[in-house]
Protein backbone atom coordinates (compact mmCIF):
# COMPACT_ATOMS: atom_id res chain seq x y z
CA MET A 1 25.60 10.25 -118.78
CA GLU A 2 24.28 11.88 -115.60
CA ASN A 3 24.04 15.23 -117.42
CA ASP A 4 21.67 13.64 -119.94
CA HIS A 5 19.44 12.41 -117.11
CA ILE A 6 19.41 15.87 -115.55
CA LYS A 7 18.49 17.50 -118.87
CA HIS A 8 15.64 15.04 -119.39
CA LEU A 9 14.41 15.62 -115.84
CA GLN A 10 14.56 19.39 -116.33
CA GLY A 11 12.52 19.01 -119.51
CA PHE A 12 9.93 16.83 -117.77
CA LEU A 13 9.61 19.24 -114.84
CA GLY A 14 9.39 22.18 -117.24
CA LEU A 15 6.56 20.56 -119.19
CA THR A 16 4.61 19.49 -116.13
CA GLY A 17 5.35 22.78 -114.36
CA TYR A 18 3.41 24.59 -117.08
CA TYR A 19 0.30 22.71 -115.85
CA ARG A 20 1.11 22.96 -112.12
CA ARG A 21 -1.97 25.02 -111.35
CA PHE A 22 -4.10 21.99 -112.25
CA PHE A 23 -2.24 19.74 -109.80
CA LYS A 24 -3.08 19.81 -106.13
CA ASN A 25 0.20 19.91 -104.16
CA TYR A 26 2.34 19.91 -107.31
CA TRP A 27 5.35 21.24 -105.39
CA ARG A 28 5.03 18.52 -102.76
CA ILE A 29 4.76 15.75 -105.32
CA THR A 30 7.74 16.96 -107.36
CA THR A 31 10.04 17.76 -104.42
CA PRO A 32 11.94 14.43 -104.70
CA LEU A 33 12.53 15.15 -108.39
CA THR A 34 13.66 18.75 -107.93
CA LYS A 35 16.13 17.65 -105.25
CA LEU A 36 17.88 15.61 -107.94
CA LEU A 37 18.75 18.82 -109.78
CA LYS A 38 21.14 19.97 -107.05
CA LYS A 39 24.83 19.60 -107.77
CA ASP A 40 26.08 16.03 -107.22
CA ALA A 41 22.70 14.90 -105.84
CA PHE A 42 21.43 12.66 -108.65
CA SER A 43 20.49 9.35 -107.07
CA TRP A 44 17.23 7.93 -108.43
CA THR A 45 15.36 5.85 -105.83
CA LEU A 46 11.87 4.47 -105.33
CA GLU A 47 10.74 7.85 -103.95
CA GLU A 48 11.65 9.58 -107.22
CA THR A 49 10.03 6.80 -109.24
CA ASN A 50 6.79 7.21 -107.31
CA ALA A 51 6.83 11.00 -107.79
CA PHE A 52 7.53 10.61 -111.52
CA GLU A 53 4.74 8.06 -111.97
CA HIS A 54 2.28 10.17 -109.95
CA ILE A 55 2.85 13.26 -112.10
CA LYS A 56 2.87 11.22 -115.31
CA GLU A 57 -0.47 9.65 -114.42
CA ALA A 58 -1.97 12.98 -113.37
CA MET A 59 -0.97 14.53 -116.72
CA CYS A 60 -3.22 12.03 -118.48
CA GLN A 61 -6.31 12.87 -116.43
CA ALA A 62 -9.16 14.78 -118.05
CA PRO A 63 -8.91 18.13 -116.19
CA VAL A 64 -5.35 18.69 -117.42
CA LEU A 65 -5.41 17.39 -120.95
CA ALA A 66 -8.90 17.74 -122.35
CA THR A 67 -10.09 18.90 -125.72
CA PRO A 68 -12.75 21.60 -125.42
CA ASP A 69 -16.29 20.61 -126.35
CA LEU A 70 -17.09 23.25 -128.95
CA THR A 71 -20.79 22.37 -128.89
CA LYS A 72 -20.99 23.97 -125.42
CA PRO A 73 -20.41 27.64 -124.60
CA LEU A 74 -16.88 28.51 -123.50
CA LEU A 75 -16.49 30.13 -120.11
CA TRP A 76 -13.56 32.49 -119.55
CA ASN A 77 -12.10 33.18 -116.14
CA VAL A 78 -10.13 36.41 -116.28
CA MET A 79 -7.97 37.14 -113.25
CA MET A 80 -6.73 40.66 -112.66
């Protein structure tokens, strides 16, 4: 059963990690969750719940998940 929880947590962190550049202090917020991935360290507490809820809420905010307004010009930021 614990392996299923770890796989789900890995999936969640993988999905949110893709958007980490939009989160201020992403690594700090997710530290309690990534600690759970260590061998024999899975013990979900209030700290992990708060981290999970914080990231989940942030994923629903406009800067991360927004549909482009195609009536306005698109601006591209190319980093080299």
